[in-house]
C-alpha atoms as a PDB file:
ATOM      1  CA  MET A   1    -123.894 206.563 -17.743  1.00  0.00           C
ATOM      2  CA  ASN A   2    -126.140 206.292 -20.828  1.00  0.00           C
ATOM      3  CA  ASN A   3    -129.839 205.452 -20.912  1.00  0.00           C
ATOM      4  CA  GLY A   4    -129.221 201.930 -22.210  1.00  0.00           C
ATOM      5  CA  PHE A   5    -127.075 201.059 -19.199  1.00  0.00           C
ATOM      6  CA  LYS A   6    -129.519 202.704 -16.766  1.00  0.00           C
ATOM      7  CA  CYS A   7    -132.428 200.703 -18.141  1.00  0.00           C
ATOM      8  CA  ALA A   8    -130.447 197.479 -18.005  1.00  0.00           C
ATOM      9  CA  TYR A   9    -129.235 198.181 -14.464  1.00  0.00           C
ATOM     10  CA  PHE A  10    -132.727 198.805 -13.079  1.00  0.00           C
ATOM     11  CA  ALA A  11    -134.079 195.824 -15.027  1.00  0.00           C
ATOM     12  CA  GLU A  12    -131.477 193.542 -13.399  1.00  0.00           C
ATOM     13  CA  LEU A  13    -132.177 195.080  -9.993  1.00  0.00           C
ATOM     14  CA  GLY A  14    -135.870 194.435 -10.551  1.00  0.00           C
ATOM     15  CA  LYS A  15    -135.173 190.756 -11.211  1.00  0.00           C
ATOM     16  CA  LEU A  16    -133.446 190.466  -7.841  1.00  0.00           C
ATOM     17  CA  LEU A  17    -136.263 192.221  -5.996  1.00  0.00           C
ATOM     18  CA  LYS A  18    -138.984 190.096  -7.605  1.00  0.00           C
ATOM     19  CA  LYS A  19    -137.356 186.750  -6.956  1.00  0.00           C
ATOM     20  CA  LYS A  20    -139.107 184.515  -4.413  1.00  0.00           C
ATOM     21  CA  ARG A  21    -135.722 183.622  -2.957  1.00  0.00           C
ATOM     22  CA  THR A  22    -135.366 187.252  -1.810  1.00  0.00           C
ATOM     23  CA  LEU A  23    -138.367 186.812   0.489  1.00  0.00           C
ATOM     24  CA  LYS A  24    -136.982 183.480   1.650  1.00  0.00           C
ATOM     25  CA  LEU A  25    -133.643 185.175   2.292  1.00  0.00           C
ATOM     26  CA  ILE A  26    -135.240 187.864   4.477  1.00  0.00           C
ATOM     27  CA  ILE A  27    -137.141 185.232   6.480  1.00  0.00           C
ATOM     28  CA  SER A  28    -133.972 183.135   6.841  1.00  0.00           C
ATOM     29  CA  LEU A  29    -131.976 186.142   8.026  1.00  0.00           C
ATOM     30  CA  ALA A  30    -134.636 187.021  10.602  1.00  0.00           C
ATOM     31  CA  ILE A  31    -134.510 183.462  11.945  1.00  0.00           C
ATOM     32  CA  ILE A  32    -130.688 183.511  12.004  1.00  0.00           C
ATOM     33  CA  ILE A  33    -130.619 186.774  13.959  1.00  0.00           C
ATOM     34  CA  VAL A  34    -133.102 185.482  16.558  1.00  0.00           C
ATOM     35  CA  VAL A  35    -131.526 182.026  16.939  1.00  0.00           C
ATOM     36  CA  PHE A  36    -127.915 183.197  17.096  1.00  0.00           C
ATOM     37  CA  THR A  37    -128.771 186.074  19.444  1.00  0.00           C
ATOM     38  CA  LEU A  38    -130.182 183.553  21.907  1.00  0.00           C
ATOM     39  CA  LEU A  39    -127.177 181.267  21.319  1.00  0.00           C
ATOM     40  CA  PHE A  40    -124.749 184.129  21.866  1.00  0.00           C
ATOM     41  CA  ARG A  41    -126.406 185.168  25.125  1.00  0.00           C
ATOM     42  CA  PHE A  42    -126.433 181.595  26.451  1.00  0.00           C
ATOM     43  CA  VAL A  43    -122.897 180.601  25.443  1.00  0.00           C
ATOM     44  CA  TYR A  44    -121.089 183.769  26.472  1.00  0.00           C
ATOM     45  CA  SER A  45    -123.069 184.204  29.688  1.00  0.00           C
ATOM     46  CA  LEU A  46    -121.975 180.695  30.587  1.00  0.00           C
ATOM     47  CA  LEU A  47    -118.349 181.442  29.705  1.00  0.00           C
ATOM     48  CA  GLU A  48    -118.246 184.626  31.752  1.00  0.00           C
ATOM     49  CA  ASP A  49    -119.996 183.019  34.725  1.00  0.00           C
ATOM     50  CA  VAL A  50    -117.665 180.031  34.769  1.00  0.00           C
ATOM     51  CA  SER A  51    -114.298 181.542  33.826  1.00  0.00           C
ATOM     52  CA  GLY A  52    -114.798 185.286  33.878  1.00  0.00           C
ATOM     53  CA  VAL A  53    -112.933 185.641  30.580  1.00  0.00           C
ATOM     54  CA  ALA A  54    -113.874 186.867  27.129  1.00  0.00           C
ATOM     55  CA  LEU A  55    -113.157 184.900  23.983  1.00  0.00           C
ATOM     56  CA  SER A  56    -110.057 186.024  22.061  1.00  0.00           C
ATOM     57  CA  GLU A  57    -108.933 188.318  24.879  1.00  0.00           C
ATOM     58  CA  ILE A  58    -105.164 188.747  25.109  1.00  0.00           C
ATOM     59  CA  GLU A  59    -103.173 189.734  28.184  1.00  0.00           C
ATOM     60  CA  PHE A  60    -100.956 192.710  27.395  1.00  0.00           C
ATOM     61  CA  ALA A  61     -97.626 193.597  28.935  1.00  0.00           C
ATOM     62  CA  ASP A  62     -98.357 197.053  30.312  1.00  0.00           C
ATOM     63  CA  THR A  63     -95.359 197.437  32.653  1.00  0.00           C
ATOM     64  CA  GLN A  64     -91.659 197.662  31.851  1.00  0.00           C
ATOM     65  CA  GLU A  65     -90.966 194.472  33.830  1.00  0.00           C
ATOM     66  CA  GLU A  66     -93.543 192.474  31.870  1.00  0.00           C
ATOM     67  CA  LEU A  67     -92.267 193.928  28.604  1.00  0.00           C
ATOM     68  CA  ASP A  68     -88.657 193.001  29.422  1.00  0.00           C
ATOM     69  CA  ALA A  69     -89.759 189.448  30.267  1.00  0.00           C
ATOM     70  CA  LEU A  70     -91.634 189.231  26.948  1.00  0.00           C
ATOM     71  CA  LYS A  71     -88.575 190.420  25.020  1.00  0.00           C
ATOM     72  CA  ALA A  72     -86.389 187.892  26.816  1.00  0.00           C
ATOM     73  CA  GLY A  73     -88.820 185.118  25.938  1.00  0.00           C
ATOM     74  CA  TYR A  74     -88.740 186.242  22.314  1.00  0.00           C
ATOM     75  CA  GLU A  75     -84.931 186.076  22.168  1.00  0.00           C
ATOM     76  CA  GLU A  76     -84.968 182.583  23.664  1.00  0.00           C
ATOM     77  CA  TYR A  77     -87.572 181.427  21.180  1.00  0.00           C
ATOM     78  CA  LYS A  78     -85.609 182.795  18.215  1.00  0.00           C
ATOM     79  CA  ILE A  79     -82.607 180.697  19.203  1.00  0.00           C
ATOM     80  CA  ALA A  80     -84.767 177.593  19.733  1.00  0.00           C
ATOM     81  CA  SER A  81     -86.505 178.039  16.354  1.00  0.00           C
ATOM     82  CA  GLU A  82     -83.424 178.837  14.294  1.00  0.00           C
ATOM     83  CA  ASN A  83     -83.924 175.877  11.940  1.00  0.00           C
ATOM     84  CA  LEU A  84     -87.406 177.097  11.013  1.00  0.00           C
ATOM     85  CA  THR A  85     -85.990 180.470  10.001  1.00  0.00           C
ATOM     86  CA  LYS A  86     -83.230 178.890   7.933  1.00  0.00           C
ATOM     87  CA  ASN A  87     -85.778 176.855   5.956  1.00  0.00           C
ATOM     88  CA  LYS A  88     -87.913 179.951   5.319  1.00  0.00           C
ATOM     89  CA  LEU A  89     -90.840 178.271   7.019  1.00  0.00           C
ATOM     90  CA  ILE A  90     -93.417 180.745   8.258  1.00  0.00           C
ATOM     91  CA  ASP A  91     -93.476 180.629  12.034  1.00  0.00           C
ATOM     92  CA  THR A  92     -96.595 182.270  13.448  1.00  0.00           C
ATOM     93  CA  THR A  93     -95.153 182.374  16.968  1.00  0.00           C
ATOM     94  CA  ILE A  94     -92.389 184.763  15.844  1.00  0.00           C
ATOM     95  CA  TYR A  95     -94.969 187.243  14.569  1.00  0.00           C
ATOM     96  CA  SER A  96     -97.094 186.792  17.661  1.00  0.00           C
ATOM     97  CA  TYR A  97     -94.094 187.749  19.804  1.00  0.00           C
ATOM     98  CA  LYS A  98     -93.346 190.779  17.611  1.00  0.00           C
ATOM     99  CA  ALA A  99     -96.951 191.960  17.751  1.00  0.00           C
ATOM    100  CA  GLN A 100     -97.205 191.559  21.525  1.00  0.00           C
ATOM    101  CA  ILE A 101     -93.902 193.393  22.039  1.00  0.00           C
ATOM    102  CA  ALA A 102     -95.107 196.257  19.804  1.00  0.00           C
ATOM    103  CA  ALA A 103     -98.373 196.386  21.781  1.00  0.00           C
ATOM    104  CA  GLY A 104     -96.549 196.325  25.131  1.00  0.00           C
ATOM    105  CA  GLN A 105     -94.118 199.030  24.063  1.00  0.00           C
ATOM    106  CA  PHE A 106     -97.016 201.254  23.023  1.00  0.00           C
ATOM    107  CA  LEU A 107     -98.773 200.789  26.366  1.00  0.00           C
ATOM    108  CA  VAL A 108     -95.626 201.421  28.413  1.00  0.00           C
ATOM    109  CA  ASP A 109     -94.614 204.486  26.381  1.00  0.00           C
ATOM    110  CA  ASN A 110     -98.087 206.004  26.716  1.00  0.00           C
ATOM    111  CA  ASN A 111     -98.675 204.880  30.322  1.00  0.00           C
ATOM    112  CA  ILE A 112    -101.855 202.993  29.396  1.00  0.00           C
ATOM    113  CA  SER A 113    -103.255 200.252  31.631  1.00  0.00           C
ATOM    114  CA  ALA A 114    -104.239 196.978  29.968  1.00  0.00           C
ATOM    115  CA  SER A 115    -107.487 196.977  31.969  1.00  0.00           C
ATOM    116  CA  SER A 116    -108.657 200.128  30.157  1.00  0.00           C
ATOM    117  CA  ILE A 117    -108.503 198.629  26.638  1.00  0.00           C
ATOM    118  CA  ARG A 118    -109.562 195.589  24.625  1.00  0.00           C
ATOM    119  CA  SER A 119    -107.736 193.495  22.057  1.00  0.00           C
ATOM    120  CA  PHE A 120    -108.870 193.738  18.432  1.00  0.00           C
ATOM    121  CA  GLY A 121    -111.651 191.304  17.529  1.00  0.00           C
ATOM    122  CA  THR A 122    -112.512 190.379  21.117  1.00  0.00           C
ATOM    123  CA  VAL A 123    -115.864 188.602  21.408  1.00  0.00           C
ATOM    124  CA  SER A 124    -117.493 189.136  24.803  1.00  0.00           C
ATOM    125  CA  LEU A 125    -120.957 189.563  26.255  1.00  0.00           C
ATOM    126  CA  SER A 126    -121.214 193.140  24.993  1.00  0.00           C
ATOM    127  CA  SER A 127    -122.645 195.105  22.094  1.00  0.00           C
ATOM    128  CA  ASN A 128    -119.381 195.009  20.131  1.00  0.00           C
ATOM    129  CA  GLY A 129    -118.824 191.339  20.921  1.00  0.00           C
ATOM    130  CA  TYR A 130    -122.331 190.470  19.761  1.00  0.00           C
ATOM    131  CA  VAL A 131    -121.914 192.332  16.453  1.00  0.00           C
ATOM    132  CA  LEU A 132    -118.543 190.657  15.796  1.00  0.00           C
ATOM    133  CA  PHE A 133    -120.159 187.294  16.538  1.00  0.00           C
ATOM    134  CA  MET A 134    -123.126 187.935  14.238  1.00  0.00           C
ATOM    135  CA  LEU A 135    -121.103 189.432  11.370  1.00  0.00           C
ATOM    136  CA  ASP A 136    -119.585 186.030  10.630  1.00  0.00           C
ATOM    137  CA  PHE A 137    -122.993 184.486  10.029  1.00  0.00           C
ATOM    138  CA  ILE A 138    -124.647 187.293   8.090  1.00  0.00           C
ATOM    139  CA  THR A 139    -121.543 187.641   5.903  1.00  0.00           C
ATOM    140  CA  ILE A 140    -121.756 183.964   4.952  1.00  0.00           C
ATOM    141  CA  VAL A 141    -125.463 184.297   4.082  1.00  0.00           C
ATOM    142  CA  VAL A 142    -125.069 187.501   2.034  1.00  0.00           C
ATOM    143  CA  VAL A 143    -122.007 186.147   0.182  1.00  0.00           C
ATOM    144  CA  ILE A 144    -123.756 182.908  -0.775  1.00  0.00           C
ATOM    145  CA  TYR A 145    -126.891 184.827  -1.806  1.00  0.00           C
ATOM    146  CA  SER A 146    -124.752 187.160  -3.951  1.00  0.00           C
ATOM    147  CA  ILE A 147    -123.012 184.222  -5.621  1.00  0.00           C
ATOM    148  CA  VAL A 148    -126.326 182.529  -6.438  1.00  0.00           C
ATOM    149  CA  ALA A 149    -127.892 185.806  -7.640  1.00  0.00           C
ATOM    150  CA  ILE A 150    -125.133 186.766 -10.093  1.00  0.00           C
ATOM    151  CA  GLY A 151    -124.837 183.134 -11.196  1.00  0.00           C
ATOM    152  CA  GLN A 152    -128.496 183.174 -12.188  1.00  0.00           C
ATOM    153  CA  LEU A 153    -128.306 186.606 -13.852  1.00  0.00           C
ATOM    154  CA  VAL A 154    -125.310 185.573 -15.962  1.00  0.00           C
ATOM    155  CA  GLY A 155    -124.847 181.789 -16.204  1.00  0.00           C
ATOM    156  CA  GLY A 156    -128.523 180.943 -15.787  1.00  0.00           C
ATOM    157  CA  GLU A 157    -129.688 183.446 -18.396  1.00  0.00           C
ATOM    158  CA  LEU A 158    -126.982 182.338 -20.826  1.00  0.00           C
ATOM    159  CA  THR A 159    -128.271 178.772 -20.482  1.00  0.00           C
ATOM    160  CA  GLU A 160    -131.893 179.858 -20.956  1.00  0.00           C
ATOM    161  CA  GLY A 161    -131.105 182.151 -23.901  1.00  0.00           C
ATOM    162  CA  VAL A 162    -132.357 185.269 -22.094  1.00  0.00           C
ATOM    163  CA  VAL A 163    -129.101 187.142 -22.741  1.00  0.00           C
ATOM    164  CA  LYS A 164    -129.627 186.737 -26.490  1.00  0.00           C
ATOM    165  CA  MET A 165    -132.938 188.579 -26.191  1.00  0.00           C
ATOM    166  CA  GLU A 166    -131.418 191.273 -23.956  1.00  0.00           C
ATOM    167  CA  LEU A 167    -128.696 192.001 -26.515  1.00  0.00           C
ATOM    168  CA  LEU A 168    -131.389 192.898 -29.064  1.00  0.00           C
ATOM    169  CA  ARG A 169    -131.914 196.092 -27.066  1.00  0.00           C
ATOM    170  CA  PRO A 170    -129.720 199.151 -27.762  1.00  0.00           C
ATOM    171  CA  ILE A 171    -127.037 198.123 -25.289  1.00  0.00           C
ATOM    172  CA  GLY A 172    -123.511 196.804 -25.698  1.00  0.00           C
ATOM    173  CA  ARG A 173    -122.255 193.549 -24.252  1.00  0.00           C
ATOM    174  CA  ASN A 174    -119.950 195.259 -21.765  1.00  0.00           C
ATOM    175  CA  GLU A 175    -122.758 197.497 -20.527  1.00  0.00           C
ATOM    176  CA  LEU A 176    -125.121 194.545 -20.102  1.00  0.00           C
ATOM    177  CA  LEU A 177    -122.590 192.519 -18.119  1.00  0.00           C
ATOM    178  CA  SER A 178    -121.692 195.551 -15.987  1.00  0.00           C
ATOM    179  CA  ALA A 179    -125.382 196.145 -15.266  1.00  0.00           C
ATOM    180  CA  LYS A 180    -125.766 192.561 -14.036  1.00  0.00           C
ATOM    181  CA  TYR A 181    -122.894 192.483 -11.548  1.00  0.00           C
ATOM    182  CA  LEU A 182    -123.340 196.100 -10.416  1.00  0.00           C
ATOM    183  CA  ALA A 183    -127.035 195.444  -9.704  1.00  0.00           C
ATOM    184  CA  THR A 184    -126.070 192.380  -7.656  1.00  0.00           C
ATOM    185  CA  LEU A 185    -123.408 194.322  -5.760  1.00  0.00           C
ATOM    186  CA  SER A 186    -125.817 197.202  -5.096  1.00  0.00           C
ATOM    187  CA  PHE A 187    -128.501 194.905  -3.719  1.00  0.00           C
ATOM    188  CA  SER A 188    -126.022 192.889  -1.636  1.00  0.00           C
ATOM    189  CA  THR A 189    -124.349 196.012  -0.229  1.00  0.00           C
ATOM    190  CA  VAL A 190    -127.667 197.558   0.836  1.00  0.00           C
ATOM    191  CA  LEU A 191    -128.777 194.244   2.355  1.00  0.00           C
ATOM    192  CA  TYR A 192    -125.464 193.842   4.191  1.00  0.00           C
ATOM    193  CA  LEU A 193    -125.607 197.437   5.459  1.00  0.00           C
ATOM    194  CA  LEU A 194    -129.182 197.022   6.740  1.00  0.00           C
ATOM    195  CA  LEU A 195    -128.233 193.816   8.544  1.00  0.00           C
ATOM    196  CA  PHE A 196    -125.180 195.549  10.027  1.00  0.00           C
ATOM    197  CA  VAL A 197    -127.393 198.353  11.368  1.00  0.00           C
ATOM    198  CA  ILE A 198    -129.964 195.878  12.699  1.00  0.00           C
ATOM    199  CA  ILE A 199    -127.486 193.744  14.641  1.00  0.00           C
ATOM    200  CA  ASN A 200    -125.891 196.896  16.077  1.00  0.00           C
ATOM    201  CA  ILE A 201    -129.301 198.050  17.311  1.00  0.00           C
ATOM    202  CA  VAL A 202    -130.036 194.587  18.745  1.00  0.00           C
ATOM    203  CA  GLY A 203    -126.618 194.574  20.424  1.00  0.00           C
ATOM    204  CA  ILE A 204    -127.193 197.952  22.055  1.00  0.00           C
ATOM    205  CA  ILE A 205    -130.691 196.970  23.257  1.00  0.00           C
ATOM    206  CA  PHE A 206    -129.908 193.529  24.686  1.00  0.00           C
ATOM    207  CA  PHE A 207    -126.238 193.738  25.694  1.00  0.00           C
ATOM    208  CA  LYS A 208    -123.999 196.167  27.542  1.00  0.00           C
ATOM    209  CA  VAL A 209    -122.109 198.593  25.343  1.00  0.00           C
ATOM    210  CA  ASP A 210    -118.348 198.078  25.499  1.00  0.00           C
ATOM    211  CA  VAL A 211    -116.841 201.569  25.279  1.00  0.00           C
ATOM    212  CA  LYS A 212    -113.215 200.583  25.815  1.00  0.00           C
ATOM    213  CA  ASP A 213    -110.796 201.582  23.065  1.00  0.00           C
ATOM    214  CA  VAL A 214    -109.374 198.755  20.966  1.00  0.00           C
ATOM    215  CA  LEU A 215    -105.667 198.012  20.634  1.00  0.00           C
ATOM    216  CA  VAL A 216    -104.502 197.108  17.128  1.00  0.00           C
ATOM    217  CA  VAL A 217    -101.081 196.147  15.880  1.00  0.00           C
ATOM    218  CA  LEU A 218    -100.445 196.846  12.206  1.00  0.00           C
ATOM    219  CA  ASP A 219     -98.320 194.221  10.443  1.00  0.00           C
ATOM    220  CA  ALA A 220     -97.037 192.909  13.800  1.00  0.00           C
ATOM    221  CA  SER A 221     -94.958 196.059  14.277  1.00  0.00           C
ATOM    222  CA  LYS A 222     -96.929 199.281  14.880  1.00  0.00           C
ATOM    223  CA  ALA A 223     -99.484 199.565  17.689  1.00  0.00           C
ATOM    224  CA  GLY A 224    -102.276 202.064  18.189  1.00  0.00           C
ATOM    225  CA  LEU A 225    -105.798 202.568  19.529  1.00  0.00           C
ATOM    226  CA  ILE A 226    -109.067 202.779  17.605  1.00  0.00           C
ATOM    227  CA  SER A 227    -112.622 203.290  18.824  1.00  0.00           C
ATOM    228  CA  PRO A 228    -115.074 200.376  19.242  1.00  0.00           C
ATOM    229  CA  ILE A 229    -117.044 201.815  16.310  1.00  0.00           C
ATOM    230  CA  GLY A 230    -113.886 201.833  14.187  1.00  0.00           C
ATOM    231  CA  GLU A 231    -113.385 198.144  14.952  1.00  0.00           C
ATOM    232  CA  LEU A 232    -116.878 197.271  13.712  1.00  0.00           C
ATOM    233  CA  VAL A 233    -116.514 199.431  10.595  1.00  0.00           C
ATOM    234  CA  LEU A 234    -113.284 197.618   9.680  1.00  0.00           C
ATOM    235  CA  TYR A 235    -115.017 194.246   9.956  1.00  0.00           C
ATOM    236  CA  PHE A 236    -117.910 195.570   7.850  1.00  0.00           C
ATOM    237  CA  ILE A 237    -115.471 196.753   5.156  1.00  0.00           C
ATOM    238  CA  GLN A 238    -113.838 193.332   5.121  1.00  0.00           C
ATOM    239  CA  GLY A 239    -117.247 191.760   4.555  1.00  0.00           C
ATOM    240  CA  LEU A 240    -117.842 194.070   1.590  1.00  0.00           C
ATOM    241  CA  ILE A 241    -114.461 193.143   0.109  1.00  0.00           C
ATOM    242  CA  ILE A 242    -115.346 189.458   0.397  1.00  0.00           C
ATOM    243  CA  ILE A 243    -118.734 190.055  -1.282  1.00  0.00           C
ATOM    244  CA  ILE A 244    -117.175 192.001  -4.177  1.00  0.00           C
ATOM    245  CA  SER A 245    -114.407 189.420  -4.655  1.00  0.00           C
ATOM    246  CA  LEU A 246    -116.788 186.464  -4.803  1.00  0.00           C
ATOM    247  CA  VAL A 247    -119.344 188.241  -7.038  1.00  0.00           C
ATOM    248  CA  MET A 248    -116.653 189.036  -9.609  1.00  0.00           C
ATOM    249  CA  LEU A 249    -115.249 185.493  -9.413  1.00  0.00           C
ATOM    250  CA  THR A 250    -118.745 184.080  -9.982  1.00  0.00           C
ATOM    251  CA  THR A 251    -119.340 186.469 -12.895  1.00  0.00           C
ATOM    252  CA  ASN A 252    -116.151 185.235 -14.510  1.00  0.00           C
ATOM    253  CA  VAL A 253    -116.940 181.555 -13.923  1.00  0.00           C
ATOM    254  CA  SER A 254    -120.554 181.960 -15.093  1.00  0.00           C
ATOM    255  CA  VAL A 255    -119.508 183.597 -18.369  1.00  0.00           C
ATOM    256  CA  MET A 256    -116.838 180.955 -18.895  1.00  0.00           C
ATOM    257  CA  LEU A 257    -119.098 177.941 -18.260  1.00  0.00           C
ATOM    258  CA  LYS A 258    -122.386 179.521 -19.416  1.00  0.00           C
ATOM    259  CA  LYS A 259    -124.309 177.600 -16.756  1.00  0.00           C
ATOM    260  CA  GLY A 260    -126.282 178.672 -13.706  1.00  0.00           C
ATOM    261  CA  ALA A 261    -124.881 175.683 -11.821  1.00  0.00           C
ATOM    262  CA  SER A 262    -121.417 177.266 -12.107  1.00  0.00           C
ATOM    263  CA  VAL A 263    -122.096 178.951  -8.734  1.00  0.00           C
ATOM    264  CA  ALA A 264    -121.026 175.722  -7.041  1.00  0.00           C
ATOM    265  CA  LEU A 265    -117.330 176.431  -7.631  1.00  0.00           C
ATOM    266  CA  PRO A 266    -117.268 179.942  -6.057  1.00  0.00           C
ATOM    267  CA  ILE A 267    -119.326 178.708  -3.094  1.00  0.00           C
ATOM    268  CA  VAL A 268    -116.878 175.862  -2.461  1.00  0.00           C
ATOM    269  CA  ILE A 269    -113.925 178.266  -2.783  1.00  0.00           C
ATOM    270  CA  PHE A 270    -115.551 180.659  -0.313  1.00  0.00           C
ATOM    271  CA  LEU A 271    -116.369 177.974   2.246  1.00  0.00           C
ATOM    272  CA  ILE A 272    -112.857 176.469   2.257  1.00  0.00           C
ATOM    273  CA  ALA A 273    -110.879 179.698   1.701  1.00  0.00           C
ATOM    274  CA  GLY A 274    -110.150 180.153   5.393  1.00  0.00           C
ATOM    275  CA  ASN A 275    -108.810 176.619   5.708  1.00  0.00           C
ATOM    276  CA  ILE A 276    -106.663 177.058   2.589  1.00  0.00           C
ATOM    277  CA  GLU A 277    -105.137 180.219   4.043  1.00  0.00           C
ATOM    278  CA  SER A 278    -104.402 178.559   7.372  1.00  0.00           C
ATOM    279  CA  MET A 279    -102.707 175.600   5.711  1.00  0.00           C
ATOM    280  CA  LEU A 280    -100.695 177.681   3.272  1.00  0.00           C
ATOM    281  CA  GLY A 281     -99.616 179.948   6.115  1.00  0.00           C
ATOM    282  CA  TYR A 282     -97.326 177.144   7.279  1.00  0.00           C
ATOM    283  CA  LEU A 283     -95.799 176.443   3.865  1.00  0.00           C
ATOM    284  CA  TYR A 284     -92.821 178.113   2.250  1.00  0.00           C
ATOM    285  CA  VAL A 285     -93.171 181.828   1.593  1.00  0.00           C
ATOM    286  CA  GLY A 286     -92.943 181.427  -2.177  1.00  0.00           C
ATOM    287  CA  TYR A 287     -95.869 179.026  -2.332  1.00  0.00           C
ATOM    288  CA  ALA A 288     -98.105 180.680   0.243  1.00  0.00           C
ATOM    289  CA  GLY A 289     -98.661 183.597  -2.138  1.00  0.00           C
ATOM    290  CA  ILE A 290    -100.850 181.497  -4.467  1.00  0.00           C
ATOM    291  CA  SER A 291    -103.791 181.779  -2.073  1.00  0.00           C
ATOM    292  CA  ILE A 292    -106.265 184.613  -2.578  1.00  0.00           C
ATOM    293  CA  ASN A 293    -106.225 186.441   0.730  1.00  0.00           C
ATOM    294  CA  LEU A 294    -109.491 188.014   1.858  1.00  0.00           C
ATOM    295  CA  GLU A 295    -108.846 188.142   5.615  1.00  0.00           C
ATOM    296  CA  PHE A 296    -106.973 191.451   5.622  1.00  0.00           C
ATOM    297  CA  LEU A 297    -108.060 192.171   9.200  1.00  0.00           C
ATOM    298  CA  SER A 298    -105.703 189.452  10.377  1.00  0.00           C
ATOM    299  CA  ALA A 299    -102.888 191.956   9.830  1.00  0.00           C
ATOM    300  CA  LEU A 300    -104.332 194.084  12.635  1.00  0.00           C
ATOM    301  CA  THR A 301    -104.399 191.465  15.369  1.00  0.00           C
ATOM    302  CA  VAL A 302    -101.989 191.246  18.265  1.00  0.00           C
ATOM    303  CA  SER A 303    -101.208 187.639  17.402  1.00  0.00           C
ATOM    304  CA  GLY A 304    -100.000 188.611  13.923  1.00  0.00           C
ATOM    305  CA  PRO A 305    -101.542 188.154  10.462  1.00  0.00           C
ATOM    306  CA  THR A 306    -102.554 184.824   8.983  1.00  0.00           C
ATOM    307  CA  PHE A 307    -100.134 185.447   6.143  1.00  0.00           C
ATOM    308  CA  ASN A 308     -97.400 186.645   8.405  1.00  0.00           C
ATOM    309  CA  TYR A 309     -94.998 187.692   5.666  1.00  0.00           C
ATOM    310  CA  MET A 310     -97.619 189.980   4.082  1.00  0.00           C
ATOM    311  CA  SER A 311     -98.477 193.489   5.220  1.00  0.00           C
ATOM    312  CA  LEU A 312    -102.001 194.857   5.438  1.00  0.00           C
ATOM    313  CA  PHE A 313    -101.392 196.911   2.312  1.00  0.00           C
ATOM    314  CA  SER A 314    -100.032 193.986   0.294  1.00  0.00           C
ATOM    315  CA  MET A 315    -103.087 191.952   1.306  1.00  0.00           C
ATOM    316  CA  LEU A 316    -105.378 194.725   0.065  1.00  0.00           C
ATOM    317  CA  ALA A 317    -103.331 195.128  -3.119  1.00  0.00           C
ATOM    318  CA  ILE A 318    -103.610 191.407  -3.913  1.00  0.00           C
ATOM    319  CA  THR A 319    -107.384 191.523  -3.367  1.00  0.00           C
ATOM    320  CA  ILE A 320    -107.798 194.586  -5.609  1.00  0.00           C
ATOM    321  CA  VAL A 321    -105.677 193.043  -8.375  1.00  0.00           C
ATOM    322  CA  TYR A 322    -107.659 189.817  -8.041  1.00  0.00           C
ATOM    323  CA  ILE A 323    -110.979 191.662  -8.437  1.00  0.00           C
ATOM    324  CA  ALA A 324    -109.646 193.641 -11.415  1.00  0.00           C
ATOM    325  CA  ILE A 325    -108.375 190.515 -13.211  1.00  0.00           C
ATOM    326  CA  ASN A 326    -111.702 188.729 -12.751  1.00  0.00           C
ATOM    327  CA  THR A 327    -113.620 191.780 -13.984  1.00  0.00           C
ATOM    328  CA  ILE A 328    -111.484 192.244 -17.100  1.00  0.00           C
ATOM    329  CA  LEU A 329    -111.499 188.531 -17.906  1.00  0.00           C
ATOM    330  CA  ALA A 330    -115.287 188.334 -17.541  1.00  0.00           C
ATOM    331  CA  HIS A 331    -115.746 191.183 -20.050  1.00  0.00           C
ATOM    332  CA  VAL A 332    -113.271 189.613 -22.488  1.00  0.00           C
ATOM    333  CA  LEU A 333    -115.080 186.272 -22.313  1.00  0.00           C
ATOM    334  CA  PHE A 334    -118.524 187.898 -22.564  1.00  0.00           C
ATOM    335  CA  ASN A 335    -117.518 189.381 -25.932  1.00  0.00           C
ATOM    336  CA  ARG A 336    -116.885 185.959 -27.453  1.00  0.00           C
ATOM    337  CA  LYS A 337    -118.899 185.151 -30.559  1.00  0.00           C
ATOM    338  CA  ASP A 338    -120.416 182.053 -28.970  1.00  0.00           C
ATOM    339  CA  ILE A 339    -121.907 184.141 -26.130  1.00  0.00           C
ATOM    340  CA  GLN A 340    -125.477 184.851 -27.169  1.00  0.00           C
END
């Protein structure tokens, strides 16, 4: 790392720290944490009082009799859904059956009672449930902030001619662009980590701590147990992957369009990405692969992954390739002669 890059990196980081929107962001996040903490307590207290159940909880087959009944139901369903299989249509119920059978087999083989564990991603009136609930909201805020920040540092400064002045310094184009998106990623990662720590502390203070181990099923076939902390760390890592993916997409789009307003496209893609994945999950296998998959945690659920034909590792591979392509393309475009 040479001095030119270091100077540029800290200069870009300084721009993010001095922006008025950073103060507004902190105030907004504080309000979100307070409001949604109260909402979480009210809604889930009501649910538990009325029904005594936790959201997303799944009943496991933890005896041989229940497991045999589940397997029998699976065989019956396969016969009834034969036409779906012939047409290569993705059937989420098939993968849900497979995942539940794998989970049940694991419990029976290891003599584990279903009452002693939780299903992956369960939201309940507990510390873990609260953090899982809050992570959705803080991830959305940090992702949108990151998109706007890098859009301004790249597209906005290209529009205003600031980049032309920056290139007069002893720094190459690739180093300058790298400094911009790495500064954004650094700031966003630290912000996301601080928020993650804060909501964990709030969860521990105001809600009971759920110490039950969590049952996961990898790729609807292999079951195992992880700690409650491991569950939260996995969700945090997914949030980071989403942030990195969208920052690099925005960098690419901003260089291509040379406008600060180019952030609109990545924001729209982010907000509808989940719906796109859900819809494509029911299309033919060959076409479903066109969607950029960010929800890799869906491969760990008992109900099976959103993209049921894809393994956890293929989901991660697609995301990594996607980030790499956007990064390379952004640097190629930033070296155009008309970029100044």
